[in-house]
PDB file of N, CA and C in Angstrom:
ATOM      1  N   UNK A   1     -33.682 -79.051  11.057  1.00  0.00           N
ATOM      2  CA  UNK A   1     -32.252 -78.661  10.448  1.00  0.00           C
ATOM      3  C   UNK A   1     -31.443 -78.748  11.613  1.00  0.00           C
ATOM      4  N   UNK A   2     -30.357 -78.885  10.534  1.00  0.00           N
ATOM      5  CA  UNK A   2     -29.085 -78.608  11.587  1.00  0.00           C
ATOM      6  C   UNK A   2     -27.893 -77.216  10.554  1.00  0.00           C
ATOM      7  N   UNK A   3     -27.346 -76.314  11.720  1.00  0.00           N
ATOM      8  CA  UNK A   3     -26.834 -75.344  11.305  1.00  0.00           C
ATOM      9  C   UNK A   3     -25.407 -75.718  11.627  1.00  0.00           C
ATOM     10  N   UNK A   4     -24.139 -74.854  11.283  1.00  0.00           N
ATOM     11  CA  UNK A   4     -22.647 -74.855  11.733  1.00  0.00           C
ATOM     12  C   UNK A   4     -22.450 -72.936  11.500  1.00  0.00           C
ATOM     13  N   UNK A   5     -21.899 -72.174  12.459  1.00  0.00           N
ATOM     14  CA  UNK A   5     -22.010 -70.886  12.441  1.00  0.00           C
ATOM     15  C   UNK A   5     -19.925 -70.996  12.697  1.00  0.00           C
ATOM     16  N   UNK A   6     -19.636 -70.435  11.068  1.00  0.00           N
ATOM     17  CA  UNK A   6     -17.992 -70.464  11.196  1.00  0.00           C
ATOM     18  C   UNK A   6     -17.645 -68.921  11.540  1.00  0.00           C
ATOM     19  N   UNK A   7     -16.463 -68.859  12.122  1.00  0.00           N
ATOM     20  CA  UNK A   7     -15.879 -67.378  11.712  1.00  0.00           C
ATOM     21  C   UNK A   7     -15.200 -67.095  10.669  1.00  0.00           C
ATOM     22  N   UNK A   8     -15.139 -65.556   9.859  1.00  0.00           N
ATOM     23  CA  UNK A   8     -14.894 -65.520   8.525  1.00  0.00           C
ATOM     24  C   UNK A   8     -14.258 -64.372   9.092  1.00  0.00           C
ATOM     25  N   UNK A   9     -12.627 -64.338   8.414  1.00  0.00           N
ATOM     26  CA  UNK A   9     -12.246 -62.846   8.623  1.00  0.00           C
ATOM     27  C   UNK A   9     -11.063 -63.211   7.338  1.00  0.00           C
ATOM     28  N   UNK A  10     -11.406 -62.236   6.393  1.00  0.00           N
ATOM     29  CA  UNK A  10     -10.495 -62.359   5.061  1.00  0.00           C
ATOM     30  C   UNK A  10      -9.292 -61.885   5.895  1.00  0.00           C
ATOM     31  N   UNK A  11      -8.247 -62.250   4.875  1.00  0.00           N
ATOM     32  CA  UNK A  11      -6.396 -61.781   5.361  1.00  0.00           C
ATOM     33  C   UNK A  11      -6.219 -61.778   4.109  1.00  0.00           C
ATOM     34  N   UNK A  12      -6.340 -60.067   3.859  1.00  0.00           N
ATOM     35  CA  UNK A  12      -5.066 -60.196   2.517  1.00  0.00           C
ATOM     36  C   UNK A  12      -3.991 -59.359   2.910  1.00  0.00           C
ATOM     37  N   UNK A  13      -3.274 -58.933   1.576  1.00  0.00           N
ATOM     38  CA  UNK A  13      -2.026 -58.274   2.126  1.00  0.00           C
ATOM     39  C   UNK A  13      -2.203 -56.295   1.262  1.00  0.00           C
ATOM     40  N   UNK A  14      -1.566 -56.050   1.413  1.00  0.00           N
ATOM     41  CA  UNK A  14      -1.339 -54.463   0.809  1.00  0.00           C
ATOM     42  C   UNK A  14      -1.456 -54.506  -1.037  1.00  0.00           C
ATOM     43  N   UNK A  15      -2.178 -54.195  -1.356  1.00  0.00           N
ATOM     44  CA  UNK A  15      -2.495 -54.577  -2.684  1.00  0.00           C
ATOM     45  C   UNK A  15      -3.820 -55.395  -3.452  1.00  0.00           C
ATOM     46  N   UNK A  16      -4.151 -56.326  -2.355  1.00  0.00           N
ATOM     47  CA  UNK A  16      -5.205 -57.092  -2.968  1.00  0.00           C
ATOM     48  C   UNK A  16      -6.190 -56.251  -2.313  1.00  0.00           C
ATOM     49  N   UNK A  17      -7.542 -56.513  -2.797  1.00  0.00           N
ATOM     50  CA  UNK A  17      -8.552 -55.741  -2.664  1.00  0.00           C
ATOM     51  C   UNK A  17      -9.807 -56.916  -2.159  1.00  0.00           C
ATOM     52  N   UNK A  18     -10.652 -56.321  -2.467  1.00  0.00           N
ATOM     53  CA  UNK A  18     -11.654 -57.360  -2.242  1.00  0.00           C
ATOM     54  C   UNK A  18     -12.427 -58.711  -2.567  1.00  0.00           C
ATOM     55  N   UNK A  19     -11.907 -58.533  -4.270  1.00  0.00           N
ATOM     56  CA  UNK A  19     -11.811 -59.669  -4.754  1.00  0.00           C
ATOM     57  C   UNK A  19     -11.201 -60.907  -4.521  1.00  0.00           C
ATOM     58  N   UNK A  20      -9.813 -60.393  -3.735  1.00  0.00           N
ATOM     59  CA  UNK A  20      -9.356 -61.655  -2.413  1.00  0.00           C
ATOM     60  C   UNK A  20      -9.808 -61.957  -1.565  1.00  0.00           C
ATOM     61  N   UNK A  21     -10.825 -60.955  -1.012  1.00  0.00           N
ATOM     62  CA  UNK A  21     -11.688 -61.305   0.122  1.00  0.00           C
ATOM     63  C   UNK A  21     -12.717 -62.642   0.105  1.00  0.00           C
ATOM     64  N   UNK A  22     -12.958 -61.914  -1.399  1.00  0.00           N
ATOM     65  CA  UNK A  22     -14.596 -62.511  -1.958  1.00  0.00           C
ATOM     66  C   UNK A  22     -13.833 -64.282  -2.393  1.00  0.00           C
ATOM     67  N   UNK A  23     -12.971 -63.915  -2.741  1.00  0.00           N
ATOM     68  CA  UNK A  23     -12.163 -65.804  -3.373  1.00  0.00           C
ATOM     69  C   UNK A  23     -11.906 -66.631  -1.761  1.00  0.00           C
ATOM     70  N   UNK A  24     -11.725 -65.878  -0.615  1.00  0.00           N
ATOM     71  CA  UNK A  24     -11.430 -66.593  -0.005  1.00  0.00           C
ATOM     72  C   UNK A  24     -12.847 -66.841   1.007  1.00  0.00           C
ATOM     73  N   UNK A  25     -13.746 -65.775   0.950  1.00  0.00           N
ATOM     74  CA  UNK A  25     -14.782 -66.540   0.937  1.00  0.00           C
ATOM     75  C   UNK A  25     -15.271 -67.792   0.607  1.00  0.00           C
ATOM     76  N   UNK A  26     -15.188 -67.895  -0.772  1.00  0.00           N
ATOM     77  CA  UNK A  26     -15.682 -68.783  -1.769  1.00  0.00           C
ATOM     78  C   UNK A  26     -15.154 -69.986  -1.187  1.00  0.00           C
ATOM     79  N   UNK A  27     -13.852 -69.667  -1.249  1.00  0.00           N
ATOM     80  CA  UNK A  27     -13.060 -71.220  -0.733  1.00  0.00           C
ATOM     81  C   UNK A  27     -13.563 -71.792   0.600  1.00  0.00           C
ATOM     82  N   UNK A  28     -14.261 -70.945   1.158  1.00  0.00           N
ATOM     83  CA  UNK A  28     -14.586 -71.683   2.402  1.00  0.00           C
ATOM     84  C   UNK A  28     -15.952 -72.332   2.300  1.00  0.00           C
ATOM     85  N   UNK A  29     -16.742 -71.414   1.321  1.00  0.00           N
ATOM     86  CA  UNK A  29     -18.176 -72.270   0.934  1.00  0.00           C
ATOM     87  C   UNK A  29     -17.302 -72.999   0.375  1.00  0.00           C
ATOM     88  N   UNK A  30     -17.063 -73.427  -0.756  1.00  0.00           N
ATOM     89  CA  UNK A  30     -16.815 -74.711  -1.409  1.00  0.00           C
ATOM     90  C   UNK A  30     -15.719 -75.857  -0.815  1.00  0.00           C
ATOM     91  N   UNK A  31     -15.441 -75.969   0.577  1.00  0.00           N
ATOM     92  CA  UNK A  31     -15.371 -76.776   1.808  1.00  0.00           C
ATOM     93  C   UNK A  31     -15.944 -77.120   2.004  1.00  0.00           C
ATOM     94  N   UNK A  32     -17.321 -76.058   2.634  1.00  0.00           N
ATOM     95  CA  UNK A  32     -18.292 -76.821   3.477  1.00  0.00           C
ATOM     96  C   UNK A  32     -19.422 -77.665   2.601  1.00  0.00           C
ATOM     97  N   UNK A  33     -19.660 -77.049   1.118  1.00  0.00           N
ATOM     98  CA  UNK A  33     -20.376 -77.509   0.202  1.00  0.00           C
ATOM     99  C   UNK A  33     -19.544 -79.143  -0.016  1.00  0.00           C
ATOM    100  N   UNK A  34     -18.414 -79.369  -0.455  1.00  0.00           N
ATOM    101  CA  UNK A  34     -18.292 -80.729  -0.008  1.00  0.00           C
ATOM    102  C   UNK A  34     -18.317 -81.502   0.708  1.00  0.00           C
ATOM    103  N   UNK A  35     -18.854 -81.213   2.307  1.00  0.00           N
ATOM    104  CA  UNK A  35     -19.456 -81.994   3.068  1.00  0.00           C
ATOM    105  C   UNK A  35     -20.967 -81.744   3.162  1.00  0.00           C
ATOM    106  N   UNK A  36     -21.704 -81.468   2.554  1.00  0.00           N
ATOM    107  CA  UNK A  36     -23.251 -81.160   2.550  1.00  0.00           C
ATOM    108  C   UNK A  36     -23.458 -79.971   3.348  1.00  0.00           C
ATOM    109  N   UNK A  37     -22.725 -78.843   3.146  1.00  0.00           N
ATOM    110  CA  UNK A  37     -23.689 -77.980   3.780  1.00  0.00           C
ATOM    111  C   UNK A  37     -23.831 -76.881   3.051  1.00  0.00           C
ATOM    112  N   UNK A  38     -24.698 -76.117   2.794  1.00  0.00           N
ATOM    113  CA  UNK A  38     -25.166 -75.327   1.649  1.00  0.00           C
ATOM    114  C   UNK A  38     -25.341 -73.602   2.827  1.00  0.00           C
ATOM    115  N   UNK A  39     -24.404 -73.115   2.265  1.00  0.00           N
ATOM    116  CA  UNK A  39     -24.008 -71.326   2.848  1.00  0.00           C
ATOM    117  C   UNK A  39     -25.531 -70.701   2.748  1.00  0.00           C
ATOM    118  N   UNK A  40     -25.484 -69.784   3.860  1.00  0.00           N
ATOM    119  CA  UNK A  40     -27.126 -69.095   3.784  1.00  0.00           C
ATOM    120  C   UNK A  40     -26.186 -67.889   4.255  1.00  0.00           C
ATOM    121  N   UNK A  41     -25.625 -67.376   4.791  1.00  0.00           N
ATOM    122  CA  UNK A  41     -25.249 -65.921   4.483  1.00  0.00           C
ATOM    123  C   UNK A  41     -24.262 -65.376   5.611  1.00  0.00           C
ATOM    124  N   UNK A  42     -23.432 -63.935   5.836  1.00  0.00           N
ATOM    125  CA  UNK A  42     -22.675 -63.738   6.311  1.00  0.00           C
ATOM    126  C   UNK A  42     -23.467 -62.926   7.519  1.00  0.00           C
ATOM    127  N   UNK A  43     -23.054 -62.918   8.703  1.00  0.00           N
ATOM    128  CA  UNK A  43     -23.886 -62.324   9.592  1.00  0.00           C
ATOM    129  C   UNK A  43     -22.572 -61.433  10.638  1.00  0.00           C
ATOM    130  N   UNK A  44     -23.115 -60.427  10.615  1.00  0.00           N
ATOM    131  CA  UNK A  44     -21.877 -60.001  11.890  1.00  0.00           C
ATOM    132  C   UNK A  44     -22.670 -59.557  13.485  1.00  0.00           C
ATOM    133  N   UNK A  45     -21.609 -59.800  13.947  1.00  0.00           N
ATOM    134  CA  UNK A  45     -22.097 -60.204  15.639  1.00  0.00           C
ATOM    135  C   UNK A  45     -21.287 -59.421  15.926  1.00  0.00           C
ATOM    136  N   UNK A  46     -22.058 -58.044  17.096  1.00  0.00           N
ATOM    137  CA  UNK A  46     -20.682 -57.536  18.203  1.00  0.00           C
ATOM    138  C   UNK A  46     -20.507 -57.858  18.883  1.00  0.00           C
ATOM    139  N   UNK A  47     -18.916 -57.867  19.386  1.00  0.00           N
ATOM    140  CA  UNK A  47     -18.461 -58.524  20.811  1.00  0.00           C
ATOM    141  C   UNK A  47     -17.951 -57.056  21.544  1.00  0.00           C
ATOM    142  N   UNK A  48     -18.174 -57.615  22.833  1.00  0.00           N
ATOM    143  CA  UNK A  48     -17.109 -56.565  23.910  1.00  0.00           C
ATOM    144  C   UNK A  48     -16.413 -57.251  24.245  1.00  0.00           C
ATOM    145  N   UNK A  49     -14.739 -56.983  24.244  1.00  0.00           N
ATOM    146  CA  UNK A  49     -13.992 -57.700  24.863  1.00  0.00           C
ATOM    147  C   UNK A  49     -13.319 -56.867  26.016  1.00  0.00           C
ATOM    148  N   UNK A  50     -13.505 -57.557  27.332  1.00  0.00           N
ATOM    149  CA  UNK A  50     -13.563 -56.739  28.486  1.00  0.00           C
ATOM    150  C   UNK A  50     -11.931 -57.001  28.898  1.00  0.00           C
ATOM    151  N   UNK A  51     -10.852 -55.882  28.959  1.00  0.00           N
ATOM    152  CA  UNK A  51      -9.821 -55.847  29.671  1.00  0.00           C
ATOM    153  C   UNK A  51      -9.976 -55.737  31.575  1.00  0.00           C
ATOM    154  N   UNK A  52      -9.806 -56.068  32.585  1.00  0.00           N
ATOM    155  CA  UNK A  52     -10.151 -55.906  33.793  1.00  0.00           C
ATOM    156  C   UNK A  52      -9.274 -55.155  33.983  1.00  0.00           C
ATOM    157  N   UNK A  53      -9.800 -54.637  35.355  1.00  0.00           N
ATOM    158  CA  UNK A  53      -9.076 -53.663  36.101  1.00  0.00           C
ATOM    159  C   UNK A  53      -7.835 -54.145  36.615  1.00  0.00           C
ATOM    160  N   UNK A  54      -6.688 -53.231  36.720  1.00  0.00           N
ATOM    161  CA  UNK A  54      -5.595 -53.762  37.207  1.00  0.00           C
ATOM    162  C   UNK A  54      -5.463 -53.208  38.436  1.00  0.00           C
ATOM    163  N   UNK A  55      -5.228 -53.308  40.157  1.00  0.00           N
ATOM    164  CA  UNK A  55      -4.990 -52.726  41.194  1.00  0.00           C
ATOM    165  C   UNK A  55      -3.522 -52.397  41.596  1.00  0.00           C
ATOM    166  N   UNK A  56      -2.705 -52.600  40.369  1.00  0.00           N
ATOM    167  CA  UNK A  56      -0.851 -51.883  40.822  1.00  0.00           C
ATOM    168  C   UNK A  56      -0.205 -52.478  41.754  1.00  0.00           C
ATOM    169  N   UNK A  57       0.576 -52.177  42.178  1.00  0.00           N
ATOM    170  CA  UNK A  57       1.006 -52.206  43.429  1.00  0.00           C
ATOM    171  C   UNK A  57       1.236 -50.881  44.300  1.00  0.00           C
ATOM    172  N   UNK A  58       0.728 -51.810  45.056  1.00  0.00           N
ATOM    173  CA  UNK A  58       0.304 -50.883  46.916  1.00  0.00           C
ATOM    174  C   UNK A  58      -0.874 -49.550  46.340  1.00  0.00           C
ATOM    175  N   UNK A  59      -1.735 -49.972  45.111  1.00  0.00           N
ATOM    176  CA  UNK A  59      -2.273 -48.712  44.939  1.00  0.00           C
ATOM    177  C   UNK A  59      -1.635 -47.851  43.610  1.00  0.00           C
ATOM    178  N   UNK A  60      -0.661 -47.957  43.359  1.00  0.00           N
ATOM    179  CA  UNK A  60      -0.245 -47.408  42.870  1.00  0.00           C
ATOM    180  C   UNK A  60      -0.036 -47.630  41.378  1.00  0.00           C
ATOM    181  N   UNK A  61       0.013 -46.661  39.907  1.00  0.00           N
ATOM    182  CA  UNK A  61       0.065 -47.511  38.651  1.00  0.00           C
ATOM    183  C   UNK A  61      -1.220 -48.428  38.647  1.00  0.00           C
ATOM    184  N   UNK A  62      -1.996 -48.497  39.138  1.00  0.00           N
ATOM    185  CA  UNK A  62      -3.990 -49.207  38.128  1.00  0.00           C
ATOM    186  C   UNK A  62      -4.134 -48.383  37.331  1.00  0.00           C
ATOM    187  N   UNK A  63      -5.142 -49.834  36.781  1.00  0.00           N
ATOM    188  CA  UNK A  63      -5.676 -48.970  35.282  1.00  0.00           C
ATOM    189  C   UNK A  63      -6.727 -49.777  35.628  1.00  0.00           C
ATOM    190  N   UNK A  64      -8.098 -48.805  35.336  1.00  0.00           N
ATOM    191  CA  UNK A  64      -9.025 -48.683  35.236  1.00  0.00           C
ATOM    192  C   UNK A  64      -9.716 -50.325  34.462  1.00  0.00           C
ATOM    193  N   UNK A  65     -10.665 -50.756  34.330  1.00  0.00           N
ATOM    194  CA  UNK A  65     -11.181 -51.945  33.683  1.00  0.00           C
ATOM    195  C   UNK A  65     -11.297 -51.182  32.132  1.00  0.00           C
ATOM    196  N   UNK A  66     -10.807 -52.018  30.653  1.00  0.00           N
ATOM    197  CA  UNK A  66     -11.316 -51.277  29.578  1.00  0.00           C
ATOM    198  C   UNK A  66     -12.194 -52.109  28.512  1.00  0.00           C
ATOM    199  N   UNK A  67     -13.172 -51.472  27.800  1.00  0.00           N
ATOM    200  CA  UNK A  67     -14.141 -52.373  27.095  1.00  0.00           C
ATOM    201  C   UNK A  67     -14.041 -52.156  25.889  1.00  0.00           C
ATOM    202  N   UNK A  68     -13.664 -53.048  25.079  1.00  0.00           N
ATOM    203  CA  UNK A  68     -13.750 -52.870  23.245  1.00  0.00           C
ATOM    204  C   UNK A  68     -14.713 -53.508  22.565  1.00  0.00           C
ATOM    205  N   UNK A  69     -15.472 -52.266  22.081  1.00  0.00           N
ATOM    206  CA  UNK A  69     -16.268 -53.142  21.103  1.00  0.00           C
ATOM    207  C   UNK A  69     -15.831 -53.731  19.798  1.00  0.00           C
ATOM    208  N   UNK A  70     -16.205 -54.666  18.985  1.00  0.00           N
ATOM    209  CA  UNK A  70     -15.207 -55.414  17.692  1.00  0.00           C
ATOM    210  C   UNK A  70     -16.798 -56.129  17.043  1.00  0.00           C
ATOM    211  N   UNK A  71     -16.411 -56.240  15.682  1.00  0.00           N
ATOM    212  CA  UNK A  71     -17.130 -56.709  15.119  1.00  0.00           C
ATOM    213  C   UNK A  71     -16.937 -58.166  14.383  1.00  0.00           C
ATOM    214  N   UNK A  72     -17.036 -59.054  14.689  1.00  0.00           N
ATOM    215  CA  UNK A  72     -16.700 -60.476  14.218  1.00  0.00           C
ATOM    216  C   UNK A  72     -17.528 -61.174  12.757  1.00  0.00           C
ATOM    217  N   UNK A  73     -17.292 -61.460  11.864  1.00  0.00           N
ATOM    218  CA  UNK A  73     -18.469 -62.123  11.011  1.00  0.00           C
ATOM    219  C   UNK A  73     -18.312 -63.437  11.100  1.00  0.00           C
ATOM    220  N   UNK A  74     -19.268 -63.975  10.962  1.00  0.00           N
ATOM    221  CA  UNK A  74     -19.581 -65.187  10.967  1.00  0.00           C
ATOM    222  C   UNK A  74     -20.472 -65.882   9.532  1.00  0.00           C
ATOM    223  N   UNK A  75     -20.062 -67.191   9.139  1.00  0.00           N
ATOM    224  CA  UNK A  75     -20.340 -67.646   7.951  1.00  0.00           C
ATOM    225  C   UNK A  75     -21.788 -68.877   8.640  1.00  0.00           C
ATOM    226  N   UNK A  76     -23.068 -68.403   8.419  1.00  0.00           N
ATOM    227  CA  UNK A  76     -23.903 -69.527   8.255  1.00  0.00           C
ATOM    228  C   UNK A  76     -24.112 -70.830   7.185  1.00  0.00           C
ATOM    229  N   UNK A  77     -24.177 -71.764   7.995  1.00  0.00           N
ATOM    230  CA  UNK A  77     -24.444 -72.888   6.797  1.00  0.00           C
ATOM    231  C   UNK A  77     -25.471 -73.991   7.578  1.00  0.00           C
ATOM    232  N   UNK A  78     -26.005 -74.717   6.206  1.00  0.00           N
ATOM    233  CA  UNK A  78     -27.277 -75.559   6.972  1.00  0.00           C
ATOM    234  C   UNK A  78     -27.148 -76.933   6.269  1.00  0.00           C
ATOM    235  N   UNK A  79     -27.351 -77.717   7.009  1.00  0.00           N
ATOM    236  CA  UNK A  79     -26.257 -79.040   6.787  1.00  0.00           C
ATOM    237  C   UNK A  79     -27.783 -79.849   5.363  1.00  0.00           C
ATOM    238  N   UNK A  80     -27.667 -80.219   4.884  1.00  0.00           N
ATOM    239  CA  UNK A  80     -28.787 -80.286   3.349  1.00  0.00           C
ATOM    240  C   UNK A  80     -29.043 -82.259   3.548  1.00  0.00           C
TER     241      UNK A  80
END
């Protein structure tokens, strides 16, 4: 079996809601279905973005490394 994993983030504006996000996911699923990919599920993946430490100039104004955890969503498809 062959799989493909595609990032998915709904892009909605103020006044839109869950149905608009669902429509975007549906459009993605239909797009991949035309290429014989079967939608399996939406997975959440935890990622950590690291911002490296900055030593500053001559040791002044330095900042420590920082870490930000983010959740990204991935649509999983299986080739038919």
